[in-house]
C-alpha atoms as a PDB file:
ATOM      1  CA  UNK A   1       0.002   0.139   0.028  1.00  0.00           C
ATOM      2  CA  UNK A   2       2.140   2.754  -1.157  1.00  0.00           C
ATOM      3  CA  UNK A   3      -0.382   5.642  -0.138  1.00  0.00           C
ATOM      4  CA  UNK A   4      -1.162   4.159   2.912  1.00  0.00           C
ATOM      5  CA  UNK A   5       0.385   5.821   6.182  1.00  0.00           C
ATOM      6  CA  UNK A   6       3.433   4.092   7.674  1.00  0.00           C
ATOM      7  CA  UNK A   7       2.696   3.335  11.406  1.00  0.00           C
ATOM      8  CA  UNK A   8       5.608   3.461  13.791  1.00  0.00           C
ATOM      9  CA  UNK A   9       5.700   1.312  16.932  1.00  0.00           C
ATOM     10  CA  UNK A  10       6.407   3.389  20.044  1.00  0.00           C
ATOM     11  CA  UNK A  11       8.829   2.251  22.499  1.00  0.00           C
ATOM     12  CA  UNK A  12       7.593   1.482  26.053  1.00  0.00           C
ATOM     13  CA  UNK A  13       8.109   4.013  28.536  1.00  0.00           C
ATOM     14  CA  UNK A  14      10.203   3.285  31.141  1.00  0.00           C
ATOM     15  CA  UNK A  15       8.862   2.491  34.775  1.00  0.00           C
ATOM     16  CA  UNK A  16       8.478   5.628  36.983  1.00  0.00           C
ATOM     17  CA  UNK A  17       9.301   8.181  34.221  1.00  0.00           C
ATOM     18  CA  UNK A  18       6.839  11.107  33.731  1.00  0.00           C
ATOM     19  CA  UNK A  19       6.247  13.069  30.635  1.00  0.00           C
ATOM     20  CA  UNK A  20       7.611  16.644  30.447  1.00  0.00           C
ATOM     21  CA  UNK A  21       5.882  19.011  28.222  1.00  0.00           C
ATOM     22  CA  UNK A  22       8.624  20.621  26.004  1.00  0.00           C
ATOM     23  CA  UNK A  23       7.595  24.297  25.125  1.00  0.00           C
ATOM     24  CA  UNK A  24       9.473  27.096  23.844  1.00  0.00           C
ATOM     25  CA  UNK A  25      11.152  29.103  26.273  1.00  0.00           C
ATOM     26  CA  UNK A  26       9.648  32.811  26.834  1.00  0.00           C
ATOM     27  CA  UNK A  27      12.022  35.651  26.236  1.00  0.00           C
ATOM     28  CA  UNK A  28      12.722  37.306  29.742  1.00  0.00           C
ATOM     29  CA  UNK A  29      11.755  40.774  30.020  1.00  0.00           C
ATOM     30  CA  UNK A  30      12.942  43.059  32.996  1.00  0.00           C
ATOM     31  CA  UNK A  31      10.777  43.133  35.954  1.00  0.00           C
ATOM     32  CA  UNK A  32       8.896  39.888  34.885  1.00  0.00           C
ATOM     33  CA  UNK A  33       8.045  37.542  37.552  1.00  0.00           C
ATOM     34  CA  UNK A  34      10.247  34.301  38.086  1.00  0.00           C
ATOM     35  CA  UNK A  35       9.221  31.168  36.514  1.00  0.00           C
ATOM     36  CA  UNK A  36       9.631  27.523  37.692  1.00  0.00           C
ATOM     37  CA  UNK A  37       9.049  24.267  35.787  1.00  0.00           C
ATOM     38  CA  UNK A  38       6.476  21.838  37.303  1.00  0.00           C
ATOM     39  CA  UNK A  39       7.628  18.896  35.728  1.00  0.00           C
ATOM     40  CA  UNK A  40       5.091  16.449  36.908  1.00  0.00           C
ATOM     41  CA  UNK A  41       2.328  18.681  35.867  1.00  0.00           C
ATOM     42  CA  UNK A  42       3.925  19.293  32.594  1.00  0.00           C
ATOM     43  CA  UNK A  43       3.372  23.162  32.650  1.00  0.00           C
ATOM     44  CA  UNK A  44       5.294  26.204  33.805  1.00  0.00           C
ATOM     45  CA  UNK A  45       3.781  27.919  37.035  1.00  0.00           C
ATOM     46  CA  UNK A  46       4.396  31.352  38.535  1.00  0.00           C
ATOM     47  CA  UNK A  47       6.308  31.462  41.895  1.00  0.00           C
ATOM     48  CA  UNK A  48       3.834  33.376  44.450  1.00  0.00           C
ATOM     49  CA  UNK A  49       4.817  34.558  47.825  1.00  0.00           C
ATOM     50  CA  UNK A  50       3.801  32.346  50.680  1.00  0.00           C
ATOM     51  CA  UNK A  51       0.677  32.621  52.312  1.00  0.00           C
ATOM     52  CA  UNK A  52       0.185  34.182  55.557  1.00  0.00           C
ATOM     53  CA  UNK A  53       0.125  31.702  58.862  1.00  0.00           C
ATOM     54  CA  UNK A  54      -3.283  30.591  59.502  1.00  0.00           C
ATOM     55  CA  UNK A  55      -2.939  31.685  63.284  1.00  0.00           C
ATOM     56  CA  UNK A  56      -2.185  35.417  62.032  1.00  0.00           C
ATOM     57  CA  UNK A  57      -5.348  35.384  59.952  1.00  0.00           C
ATOM     58  CA  UNK A  58      -7.301  34.270  63.050  1.00  0.00           C
ATOM     59  CA  UNK A  59      -5.611  36.606  65.495  1.00  0.00           C
ATOM     60  CA  UNK A  60      -6.193  39.533  62.928  1.00  0.00           C
ATOM     61  CA  UNK A  61      -9.911  38.737  62.540  1.00  0.00           C
ATOM     62  CA  UNK A  62     -10.410  38.449  66.194  1.00  0.00           C
ATOM     63  CA  UNK A  63      -8.790  41.694  66.943  1.00  0.00           C
ATOM     64  CA  UNK A  64     -10.805  43.541  64.151  1.00  0.00           C
ATOM     65  CA  UNK A  65     -14.034  42.171  65.563  1.00  0.00           C
ATOM     66  CA  UNK A  66     -12.934  43.478  69.037  1.00  0.00           C
ATOM     67  CA  UNK A  67     -12.272  46.937  67.689  1.00  0.00           C
ATOM     68  CA  UNK A  68     -15.440  47.026  65.780  1.00  0.00           C
ATOM     69  CA  UNK A  69     -17.033  46.282  69.239  1.00  0.00           C
ATOM     70  CA  UNK A  70     -14.946  48.972  70.915  1.00  0.00           C
ATOM     71  CA  UNK A  71     -16.132  51.515  68.178  1.00  0.00           C
ATOM     72  CA  UNK A  72     -20.063  50.389  67.869  1.00  0.00           C
ATOM     73  CA  UNK A  73     -20.482  49.571  71.693  1.00  0.00           C
ATOM     74  CA  UNK A  74     -18.335  51.898  73.626  1.00  0.00           C
ATOM     75  CA  UNK A  75     -18.199  54.643  71.199  1.00  0.00           C
ATOM     76  CA  UNK A  76     -14.137  54.743  71.680  1.00  0.00           C
ATOM     77  CA  UNK A  77     -12.327  57.969  69.817  1.00  0.00           C
ATOM     78  CA  UNK A  78     -10.220  57.389  66.940  1.00  0.00           C
ATOM     79  CA  UNK A  79      -6.729  58.022  68.722  1.00  0.00           C
ATOM     80  CA  UNK A  80      -7.922  55.522  71.329  1.00  0.00           C
ATOM     81  CA  UNK A  81      -8.625  52.760  68.814  1.00  0.00           C
ATOM     82  CA  UNK A  82      -5.192  53.393  66.995  1.00  0.00           C
ATOM     83  CA  UNK A  83      -3.548  52.835  70.450  1.00  0.00           C
ATOM     84  CA  UNK A  84      -5.555  49.387  70.768  1.00  0.00           C
ATOM     85  CA  UNK A  85      -4.619  48.474  67.687  1.00  0.00           C
ATOM     86  CA  UNK A  86      -0.766  49.196  68.022  1.00  0.00           C
ATOM     87  CA  UNK A  87      -1.113  47.336  71.766  1.00  0.00           C
ATOM     88  CA  UNK A  88      -2.783  44.371  70.270  1.00  0.00           C
ATOM     89  CA  UNK A  89      -0.605  43.859  67.085  1.00  0.00           C
ATOM     90  CA  UNK A  90       2.278  43.348  69.897  1.00  0.00           C
ATOM     91  CA  UNK A  91       0.184  40.506  71.210  1.00  0.00           C
ATOM     92  CA  UNK A  92      -0.706  39.047  67.832  1.00  0.00           C
ATOM     93  CA  UNK A  93       2.813  39.180  66.501  1.00  0.00           C
ATOM     94  CA  UNK A  94       4.005  37.208  69.583  1.00  0.00           C
ATOM     95  CA  UNK A  95       1.230  34.629  68.939  1.00  0.00           C
ATOM     96  CA  UNK A  96       2.252  33.985  65.829  1.00  0.00           C
ATOM     97  CA  UNK A  97       5.967  33.754  66.423  1.00  0.00           C
ATOM     98  CA  UNK A  98       4.814  31.217  69.285  1.00  0.00           C
ATOM     99  CA  UNK A  99       3.102  29.066  66.753  1.00  0.00           C
ATOM    100  CA  UNK A 100      -0.442  29.596  68.948  1.00  0.00           C
ATOM    101  CA  UNK A 101      -3.198  29.455  66.513  1.00  0.00           C
ATOM    102  CA  UNK A 102      -4.907  32.642  67.385  1.00  0.00           C
ATOM    103  CA  UNK A 103      -6.418  34.148  70.745  1.00  0.00           C
ATOM    104  CA  UNK A 104      -9.051  31.415  71.122  1.00  0.00           C
ATOM    105  CA  UNK A 105      -6.341  28.763  71.460  1.00  0.00           C
ATOM    106  CA  UNK A 106      -4.564  30.800  74.355  1.00  0.00           C
ATOM    107  CA  UNK A 107      -4.274  29.149  77.778  1.00  0.00           C
ATOM    108  CA  UNK A 108      -3.365  31.009  81.147  1.00  0.00           C
ATOM    109  CA  UNK A 109       0.300  29.378  80.803  1.00  0.00           C
ATOM    110  CA  UNK A 110       0.752  31.229  77.284  1.00  0.00           C
ATOM    111  CA  UNK A 111      -0.412  34.242  79.018  1.00  0.00           C
ATOM    112  CA  UNK A 112       2.373  34.102  81.665  1.00  0.00           C
ATOM    113  CA  UNK A 113       5.068  33.514  78.880  1.00  0.00           C
ATOM    114  CA  UNK A 114       3.651  36.648  77.099  1.00  0.00           C
ATOM    115  CA  UNK A 115       4.072  38.880  80.284  1.00  0.00           C
ATOM    116  CA  UNK A 116       7.642  37.323  80.289  1.00  0.00           C
ATOM    117  CA  UNK A 117       8.298  38.435  76.908  1.00  0.00           C
ATOM    118  CA  UNK A 118       6.877  41.837  77.445  1.00  0.00           C
ATOM    119  CA  UNK A 119       9.076  42.335  80.431  1.00  0.00           C
ATOM    120  CA  UNK A 120      12.379  40.811  79.534  1.00  0.00           C
ATOM    121  CA  UNK A 121      12.583  39.441  76.008  1.00  0.00           C
ATOM    122  CA  UNK A 122      10.943  42.171  73.896  1.00  0.00           C
ATOM    123  CA  UNK A 123      13.301  44.442  72.054  1.00  0.00           C
ATOM    124  CA  UNK A 124      13.190  47.376  72.214  1.00  0.00           C
ATOM    125  CA  UNK A 125      12.272  47.106  75.740  1.00  0.00           C
ATOM    126  CA  UNK A 126       8.718  48.362  77.000  1.00  0.00           C
ATOM    127  CA  UNK A 127       8.100  51.032  80.158  1.00  0.00           C
ATOM    128  CA  UNK A 128       6.224  49.594  82.768  1.00  0.00           C
ATOM    129  CA  UNK A 129       3.415  51.937  81.868  1.00  0.00           C
ATOM    130  CA  UNK A 130       3.436  50.554  78.269  1.00  0.00           C
ATOM    131  CA  UNK A 131       3.374  46.873  79.480  1.00  0.00           C
ATOM    132  CA  UNK A 132       0.369  47.827  81.671  1.00  0.00           C
ATOM    133  CA  UNK A 133      -1.499  49.304  78.499  1.00  0.00           C
ATOM    134  CA  UNK A 134      -0.894  46.434  76.331  1.00  0.00           C
ATOM    135  CA  UNK A 135      -1.983  43.787  78.902  1.00  0.00           C
ATOM    136  CA  UNK A 136      -5.163  45.985  79.508  1.00  0.00           C
ATOM    137  CA  UNK A 137      -5.688  45.770  76.053  1.00  0.00           C
ATOM    138  CA  UNK A 138      -5.094  41.823  75.858  1.00  0.00           C
ATOM    139  CA  UNK A 139      -7.459  41.315  78.688  1.00  0.00           C
ATOM    140  CA  UNK A 140     -10.209  43.246  76.976  1.00  0.00           C
ATOM    141  CA  UNK A 141      -9.595  41.158  73.704  1.00  0.00           C
ATOM    142  CA  UNK A 142     -10.247  38.156  75.954  1.00  0.00           C
ATOM    143  CA  UNK A 143     -13.038  39.147  77.940  1.00  0.00           C
ATOM    144  CA  UNK A 144     -14.776  40.029  74.481  1.00  0.00           C
ATOM    145  CA  UNK A 145     -14.013  36.702  73.048  1.00  0.00           C
ATOM    146  CA  UNK A 146     -15.669  34.868  76.434  1.00  0.00           C
ATOM    147  CA  UNK A 147     -18.598  36.933  76.208  1.00  0.00           C
ATOM    148  CA  UNK A 148     -19.397  36.495  72.760  1.00  0.00           C
ATOM    149  CA  UNK A 149     -19.131  32.492  73.151  1.00  0.00           C
ATOM    150  CA  UNK A 150     -15.726  32.162  71.078  1.00  0.00           C
ATOM    151  CA  UNK A 151     -14.038  30.640  73.916  1.00  0.00           C
ATOM    152  CA  UNK A 152     -15.528  28.664  76.882  1.00  0.00           C
ATOM    153  CA  UNK A 153     -13.585  30.771  79.670  1.00  0.00           C
ATOM    154  CA  UNK A 154     -11.443  33.638  79.926  1.00  0.00           C
ATOM    155  CA  UNK A 155      -7.773  32.793  80.256  1.00  0.00           C
ATOM    156  CA  UNK A 156      -6.861  36.426  81.088  1.00  0.00           C
ATOM    157  CA  UNK A 157      -9.179  37.254  84.087  1.00  0.00           C
ATOM    158  CA  UNK A 158      -6.698  36.816  86.355  1.00  0.00           C
ATOM    159  CA  UNK A 159      -3.876  38.486  84.401  1.00  0.00           C
ATOM    160  CA  UNK A 160      -2.658  41.428  86.386  1.00  0.00           C
ATOM    161  CA  UNK A 161      -0.692  44.329  85.019  1.00  0.00           C
ATOM    162  CA  UNK A 162       2.634  45.699  86.820  1.00  0.00           C
ATOM    163  CA  UNK A 163       1.796  47.870  89.367  1.00  0.00           C
ATOM    164  CA  UNK A 164       2.605  51.741  88.197  1.00  0.00           C
ATOM    165  CA  UNK A 165       4.815  54.000  90.473  1.00  0.00           C
ATOM    166  CA  UNK A 166       2.765  56.967  91.466  1.00  0.00           C
ATOM    167  CA  UNK A 167       3.612  59.822  89.427  1.00  0.00           C
ATOM    168  CA  UNK A 168       2.456  63.389  90.248  1.00  0.00           C
ATOM    169  CA  UNK A 169       1.251  65.409  87.442  1.00  0.00           C
ATOM    170  CA  UNK A 170       3.754  68.189  86.535  1.00  0.00           C
ATOM    171  CA  UNK A 171       2.444  71.628  86.710  1.00  0.00           C
ATOM    172  CA  UNK A 172       4.698  74.788  86.186  1.00  0.00           C
ATOM    173  CA  UNK A 173       3.908  78.137  87.858  1.00  0.00           C
ATOM    174  CA  UNK A 174       1.365  80.742  86.879  1.00  0.00           C
ATOM    175  CA  UNK A 175       4.542  83.156  85.842  1.00  0.00           C
ATOM    176  CA  UNK A 176       5.665  80.648  83.628  1.00  0.00           C
ATOM    177  CA  UNK A 177       2.184  80.055  81.807  1.00  0.00           C
ATOM    178  CA  UNK A 178       2.111  83.850  81.232  1.00  0.00           C
ATOM    179  CA  UNK A 179       5.716  84.042  79.921  1.00  0.00           C
ATOM    180  CA  UNK A 180       4.895  81.319  77.540  1.00  0.00           C
ATOM    181  CA  UNK A 181       1.804  82.900  76.077  1.00  0.00           C
ATOM    182  CA  UNK A 182       3.524  86.484  76.037  1.00  0.00           C
ATOM    183  CA  UNK A 183       6.449  84.597  73.747  1.00  0.00           C
ATOM    184  CA  UNK A 184       3.915  83.216  71.609  1.00  0.00           C
ATOM    185  CA  UNK A 185       2.795  86.794  70.176  1.00  0.00           C
ATOM    186  CA  UNK A 186       6.418  86.904  68.373  1.00  0.00           C
ATOM    187  CA  UNK A 187       6.225  86.530  64.828  1.00  0.00           C
ATOM    188  CA  UNK A 188       3.728  87.102  61.750  1.00  0.00           C
ATOM    189  CA  UNK A 189       0.423  88.535  63.042  1.00  0.00           C
ATOM    190  CA  UNK A 190      -1.579  85.861  61.560  1.00  0.00           C
ATOM    191  CA  UNK A 191       0.086  82.796  63.198  1.00  0.00           C
ATOM    192  CA  UNK A 192       0.793  84.978  66.350  1.00  0.00           C
ATOM    193  CA  UNK A 193      -2.762  85.517  66.693  1.00  0.00           C
ATOM    194  CA  UNK A 194      -3.560  82.045  66.214  1.00  0.00           C
ATOM    195  CA  UNK A 195      -0.706  80.671  68.785  1.00  0.00           C
ATOM    196  CA  UNK A 196      -1.929  82.984  71.445  1.00  0.00           C
ATOM    197  CA  UNK A 197      -5.619  82.056  71.198  1.00  0.00           C
ATOM    198  CA  UNK A 198      -4.698  78.294  70.880  1.00  0.00           C
ATOM    199  CA  UNK A 199      -2.391  78.383  74.384  1.00  0.00           C
ATOM    200  CA  UNK A 200      -4.870  80.831  76.081  1.00  0.00           C
ATOM    201  CA  UNK A 201      -7.615  78.177  75.334  1.00  0.00           C
ATOM    202  CA  UNK A 202      -5.838  75.190  76.388  1.00  0.00           C
ATOM    203  CA  UNK A 203      -4.860  76.801  79.940  1.00  0.00           C
ATOM    204  CA  UNK A 204      -8.334  78.393  80.292  1.00  0.00           C
ATOM    205  CA  UNK A 205     -10.292  75.133  79.846  1.00  0.00           C
ATOM    206  CA  UNK A 206      -7.765  72.142  80.500  1.00  0.00           C
ATOM    207  CA  UNK A 207      -8.701  70.771  77.164  1.00  0.00           C
ATOM    208  CA  UNK A 208      -6.444  67.903  76.108  1.00  0.00           C
ATOM    209  CA  UNK A 209      -4.645  68.693  72.789  1.00  0.00           C
ATOM    210  CA  UNK A 210      -6.689  66.185  70.759  1.00  0.00           C
ATOM    211  CA  UNK A 211      -9.890  67.836  72.203  1.00  0.00           C
ATOM    212  CA  UNK A 212      -8.220  71.475  71.104  1.00  0.00           C
ATOM    213  CA  UNK A 213      -7.673  70.177  67.450  1.00  0.00           C
ATOM    214  CA  UNK A 214     -10.993  68.677  67.116  1.00  0.00           C
ATOM    215  CA  UNK A 215     -12.868  72.000  67.731  1.00  0.00           C
ATOM    216  CA  UNK A 216     -14.968  73.401  65.199  1.00  0.00           C
ATOM    217  CA  UNK A 217     -16.007  77.084  65.093  1.00  0.00           C
ATOM    218  CA  UNK A 218     -19.610  76.181  66.128  1.00  0.00           C
ATOM    219  CA  UNK A 219     -18.166  74.672  69.352  1.00  0.00           C
ATOM    220  CA  UNK A 220     -17.769  78.018  70.669  1.00  0.00           C
ATOM    221  CA  UNK A 221     -21.482  77.845  72.146  1.00  0.00           C
ATOM    222  CA  UNK A 222     -21.026  81.776  72.834  1.00  0.00           C
ATOM    223  CA  UNK A 223     -18.603  84.075  74.421  1.00  0.00           C
ATOM    224  CA  UNK A 224     -18.949  82.370  77.898  1.00  0.00           C
ATOM    225  CA  UNK A 225     -18.342  78.610  76.965  1.00  0.00           C
ATOM    226  CA  UNK A 226     -16.810  76.108  74.614  1.00  0.00           C
ATOM    227  CA  UNK A 227     -17.934  72.613  73.809  1.00  0.00           C
ATOM    228  CA  UNK A 228     -15.358  70.015  74.357  1.00  0.00           C
ATOM    229  CA  UNK A 229     -15.637  66.134  73.075  1.00  0.00           C
ATOM    230  CA  UNK A 230     -13.680  64.033  74.988  1.00  0.00           C
ATOM    231  CA  UNK A 231     -12.755  60.032  75.156  1.00  0.00           C
ATOM    232  CA  UNK A 232     -15.374  57.968  73.868  1.00  0.00           C
ATOM    233  CA  UNK A 233     -17.372  60.758  72.565  1.00  0.00           C
ATOM    234  CA  UNK A 234     -18.321  62.416  75.870  1.00  0.00           C
ATOM    235  CA  UNK A 235     -19.509  65.964  75.739  1.00  0.00           C
ATOM    236  CA  UNK A 236     -18.818  68.652  78.446  1.00  0.00           C
ATOM    237  CA  UNK A 237     -19.521  72.511  78.646  1.00  0.00           C
ATOM    238  CA  UNK A 238     -16.375  74.406  80.027  1.00  0.00           C
ATOM    239  CA  UNK A 239     -16.437  78.136  80.549  1.00  0.00           C
ATOM    240  CA  UNK A 240     -13.819  80.206  78.664  1.00  0.00           C
ATOM    241  CA  UNK A 241     -12.126  83.179  80.991  1.00  0.00           C
ATOM    242  CA  UNK A 242     -11.793  86.721  79.644  1.00  0.00           C
ATOM    243  CA  UNK A 243      -8.240  86.350  78.448  1.00  0.00           C
ATOM    244  CA  UNK A 244      -8.916  83.346  76.180  1.00  0.00           C
ATOM    245  CA  UNK A 245     -12.275  85.292  75.007  1.00  0.00           C
ATOM    246  CA  UNK A 246     -10.387  88.196  73.723  1.00  0.00           C
ATOM    247  CA  UNK A 247      -7.302  86.134  72.185  1.00  0.00           C
ATOM    248  CA  UNK A 248     -10.176  83.960  70.563  1.00  0.00           C
ATOM    249  CA  UNK A 249     -11.776  86.993  69.212  1.00  0.00           C
ATOM    250  CA  UNK A 250      -8.835  88.536  67.880  1.00  0.00           C
ATOM    251  CA  UNK A 251      -8.079  85.361  66.115  1.00  0.00           C
ATOM    252  CA  UNK A 252     -11.540  84.646  64.499  1.00  0.00           C
ATOM    253  CA  UNK A 253     -11.690  88.443  63.109  1.00  0.00           C
ATOM    254  CA  UNK A 254      -8.046  88.984  61.922  1.00  0.00           C
ATOM    255  CA  UNK A 255      -6.311  85.892  61.377  1.00  0.00           C
ATOM    256  CA  UNK A 256      -8.576  82.795  60.765  1.00  0.00           C
ATOM    257  CA  UNK A 257     -10.002  84.220  57.504  1.00  0.00           C
ATOM    258  CA  UNK A 258      -6.377  84.779  55.974  1.00  0.00           C
ATOM    259  CA  UNK A 259      -5.385  81.042  56.959  1.00  0.00           C
ATOM    260  CA  UNK A 260      -9.079  79.753  55.829  1.00  0.00           C
ATOM    261  CA  UNK A 261      -8.334  81.394  52.378  1.00  0.00           C
ATOM    262  CA  UNK A 262      -5.265  79.404  51.930  1.00  0.00           C
ATOM    263  CA  UNK A 263      -7.119  76.143  51.822  1.00  0.00           C
ATOM    264  CA  UNK A 264     -10.382  74.382  51.345  1.00  0.00           C
ATOM    265  CA  UNK A 265     -13.499  75.089  53.386  1.00  0.00           C
ATOM    266  CA  UNK A 266     -13.274  73.713  56.825  1.00  0.00           C
ATOM    267  CA  UNK A 267     -15.158  73.779  59.774  1.00  0.00           C
ATOM    268  CA  UNK A 268     -11.996  73.565  62.003  1.00  0.00           C
ATOM    269  CA  UNK A 269     -11.525  76.298  64.473  1.00  0.00           C
ATOM    270  CA  UNK A 270      -7.366  76.413  64.336  1.00  0.00           C
ATOM    271  CA  UNK A 271      -5.780  76.101  61.226  1.00  0.00           C
ATOM    272  CA  UNK A 272      -2.733  75.486  60.078  1.00  0.00           C
ATOM    273  CA  UNK A 273      -0.601  77.743  57.557  1.00  0.00           C
ATOM    274  CA  UNK A 274      -1.851  75.994  54.650  1.00  0.00           C
ATOM    275  CA  UNK A 275      -5.545  76.435  55.629  1.00  0.00           C
ATOM    276  CA  UNK A 276      -6.189  72.730  57.150  1.00  0.00           C
ATOM    277  CA  UNK A 277      -7.031  71.449  60.557  1.00  0.00           C
ATOM    278  CA  UNK A 278      -3.859  71.755  62.945  1.00  0.00           C
ATOM    279  CA  UNK A 279      -2.490  68.366  63.981  1.00  0.00           C
ATOM    280  CA  UNK A 280      -1.500  67.710  67.588  1.00  0.00           C
ATOM    281  CA  UNK A 281       2.063  67.658  66.428  1.00  0.00           C
ATOM    282  CA  UNK A 282       1.819  71.326  65.207  1.00  0.00           C
ATOM    283  CA  UNK A 283       0.328  72.315  68.649  1.00  0.00           C
ATOM    284  CA  UNK A 284       2.902  70.596  70.344  1.00  0.00           C
ATOM    285  CA  UNK A 285       5.599  72.454  68.263  1.00  0.00           C
ATOM    286  CA  UNK A 286       3.816  75.964  68.784  1.00  0.00           C
ATOM    287  CA  UNK A 287       4.138  75.267  72.565  1.00  0.00           C
ATOM    288  CA  UNK A 288       7.804  74.194  72.212  1.00  0.00           C
ATOM    289  CA  UNK A 289       9.060  77.278  70.270  1.00  0.00           C
ATOM    290  CA  UNK A 290       6.928  79.661  72.867  1.00  0.00           C
ATOM    291  CA  UNK A 291       8.492  77.799  75.766  1.00  0.00           C
ATOM    292  CA  UNK A 292      11.965  78.186  74.422  1.00  0.00           C
ATOM    293  CA  UNK A 293      11.553  81.973  73.687  1.00  0.00           C
ATOM    294  CA  UNK A 294      10.131  82.482  77.183  1.00  0.00           C
ATOM    295  CA  UNK A 295      13.200  80.827  78.691  1.00  0.00           C
ATOM    296  CA  UNK A 296      10.957  78.421  80.509  1.00  0.00           C
ATOM    297  CA  UNK A 297      13.434  75.718  81.732  1.00  0.00           C
ATOM    298  CA  UNK A 298      10.582  72.799  82.729  1.00  0.00           C
ATOM    299  CA  UNK A 299      10.010  70.293  80.069  1.00  0.00           C
ATOM    300  CA  UNK A 300       6.333  71.395  78.484  1.00  0.00           C
ATOM    301  CA  UNK A 301       3.740  69.790  76.585  1.00  0.00           C
ATOM    302  CA  UNK A 302       0.031  70.665  75.851  1.00  0.00           C
ATOM    303  CA  UNK A 303      -0.725  68.271  78.630  1.00  0.00           C
ATOM    304  CA  UNK A 304       1.327  70.334  81.100  1.00  0.00           C
ATOM    305  CA  UNK A 305      -0.849  73.248  80.576  1.00  0.00           C
ATOM    306  CA  UNK A 306      -3.881  70.897  81.522  1.00  0.00           C
ATOM    307  CA  UNK A 307      -2.146  69.823  84.625  1.00  0.00           C
ATOM    308  CA  UNK A 308      -1.327  73.321  85.218  1.00  0.00           C
ATOM    309  CA  UNK A 309      -5.117  74.349  84.970  1.00  0.00           C
ATOM    310  CA  UNK A 310      -6.163  71.773  87.309  1.00  0.00           C
ATOM    311  CA  UNK A 311      -3.381  72.281  90.010  1.00  0.00           C
ATOM    312  CA  UNK A 312      -3.922  76.196  89.806  1.00  0.00           C
ATOM    313  CA  UNK A 313      -7.622  75.695  90.241  1.00  0.00           C
ATOM    314  CA  UNK A 314      -7.558  73.493  93.422  1.00  0.00           C
ATOM    315  CA  UNK A 315      -4.984  75.917  94.876  1.00  0.00           C
ATOM    316  CA  UNK A 316      -7.189  78.865  94.404  1.00  0.00           C
ATOM    317  CA  UNK A 317      -9.941  76.878  96.397  1.00  0.00           C
ATOM    318  CA  UNK A 318     -12.101  75.324  93.638  1.00  0.00           C
ATOM    319  CA  UNK A 319     -13.910  71.938  94.864  1.00  0.00           C
ATOM    320  CA  UNK A 320     -12.300  68.578  93.325  1.00  0.00           C
ATOM    321  CA  UNK A 321     -15.753  67.766  92.226  1.00  0.00           C
ATOM    322  CA  UNK A 322     -15.872  70.778  90.053  1.00  0.00           C
ATOM    323  CA  UNK A 323     -12.435  70.285  88.521  1.00  0.00           C
ATOM    324  CA  UNK A 324     -13.360  66.917  87.822  1.00  0.00           C
ATOM    325  CA  UNK A 325     -16.321  67.710  85.667  1.00  0.00           C
ATOM    326  CA  UNK A 326     -14.119  70.690  84.029  1.00  0.00           C
ATOM    327  CA  UNK A 327     -11.159  67.975  83.323  1.00  0.00           C
ATOM    328  CA  UNK A 328     -13.895  65.447  82.111  1.00  0.00           C
ATOM    329  CA  UNK A 329     -12.683  62.459  84.397  1.00  0.00           C
ATOM    330  CA  UNK A 330     -14.848  59.716  84.667  1.00  0.00           C
ATOM    331  CA  UNK A 331     -13.903  59.103  88.272  1.00  0.00           C
ATOM    332  CA  UNK A 332     -13.105  61.487  91.144  1.00  0.00           C
ATOM    333  CA  UNK A 333     -10.189  59.485  92.077  1.00  0.00           C
ATOM    334  CA  UNK A 334      -8.208  60.442  88.762  1.00  0.00           C
ATOM    335  CA  UNK A 335      -9.063  64.121  89.880  1.00  0.00           C
ATOM    336  CA  UNK A 336      -7.548  63.722  93.376  1.00  0.00           C
ATOM    337  CA  UNK A 337      -4.089  63.200  92.443  1.00  0.00           C
ATOM    338  CA  UNK A 338      -3.787  66.990  91.903  1.00  0.00           C
ATOM    339  CA  UNK A 339      -4.720  67.522  95.458  1.00  0.00           C
ATOM    340  CA  UNK A 340      -1.648  65.655  96.200  1.00  0.00           C
ATOM    341  CA  UNK A 341       0.325  68.238  94.314  1.00  0.00           C
ATOM    342  CA  UNK A 342      -1.470  71.142  96.031  1.00  0.00           C
ATOM    343  CA  UNK A 343      -0.839  69.475  99.587  1.00  0.00           C
ATOM    344  CA  UNK A 344       2.976  69.134  98.682  1.00  0.00           C
ATOM    345  CA  UNK A 345       3.258  72.929  97.785  1.00  0.00           C
ATOM    346  CA  UNK A 346       1.502  73.773 101.078  1.00  0.00           C
ATOM    347  CA  UNK A 347       3.734  71.407 103.061  1.00  0.00           C
ATOM    348  CA  UNK A 348       6.921  73.087 101.291  1.00  0.00           C
ATOM    349  CA  UNK A 349       5.554  76.705 101.862  1.00  0.00           C
ATOM    350  CA  UNK A 350       4.807  76.022 105.625  1.00  0.00           C
ATOM    351  CA  UNK A 351       8.137  74.425 106.127  1.00  0.00           C
ATOM    352  CA  UNK A 352       9.715  77.606 104.722  1.00  0.00           C
ATOM    353  CA  UNK A 353       7.616  80.370 106.338  1.00  0.00           C
ATOM    354  CA  UNK A 354       6.407  79.003 109.885  1.00  0.00           C
ATOM    355  CA  UNK A 355       9.136  79.813 112.413  1.00  0.00           C
ATOM    356  CA  UNK A 356       8.575  76.447 114.175  1.00  0.00           C
ATOM    357  CA  UNK A 357       8.458  74.122 111.307  1.00  0.00           C
ATOM    358  CA  UNK A 358      11.975  72.919 111.417  1.00  0.00           C
END
């Protein structure tokens, strides 16, 4: 059969030998993903990065649910949520390194090991106050998982943070506060008016720096009071003294319109040089520059003005309950620490002034 096709006999394949697909090798281009040959599958496969460990995914899911709970149920502020997220990231990273499959798999012995890690093994080391804050976040996470039925028990219920040493709040004398505010008047009129109004308001109301930067123009309820929003979205009305009122009036009339024209429309009360809401870091820098020009040797921060506000009120005879309301403290015990500062000052004055004190 001349026209018939000739059939060739195939040689038998050797035992255990797998077919390999032969294809033309693609030309390499710069930035192309590396390729590996999967001989058994007879194709080229794209190399992918390794998947994250299952324990890390479980831990992150639990943390996200807990943070949503804090947002919806407890109304925590954005800054507080960011702090919780940072602290719990330390915990979940440790769980991943310890090969523990998420918070649901944690036992009391694991938490003891975590406390040892925080206190002695972690680099960089944490201060005692930071360790206490991390452990507080961990306790809250496990309490939430137990209440939601994700775990049969709460392994962190007996977890105790390290005892913090009592630190008295550091206030500065009234003379130093006045010197700092006067030093803020130096510079261009636009920024000087803003800086004076900002510092006067911080000292007049005892506002936290986050509360001051969150203020809108409408929060100046009238000439007498300002509305502040504290931790957890709590609202309080605080009187504004005559010095702060005069500084705010000058800023709103002569300075804020100029700053506002440099940026997009915003209801923020205090604006930066580009017309945007001032940040906490910008407020800190304003205070640092003014303190340096005033020659104040003590270390100062926006919270120093808050401490000074409370200390000077109590020294002037204000009731501790009134100061608690003005500061927005939930518990009066938090405010009572300022009475210790006042008592120390009185003791020093008595020792110096009384003829039979020594």
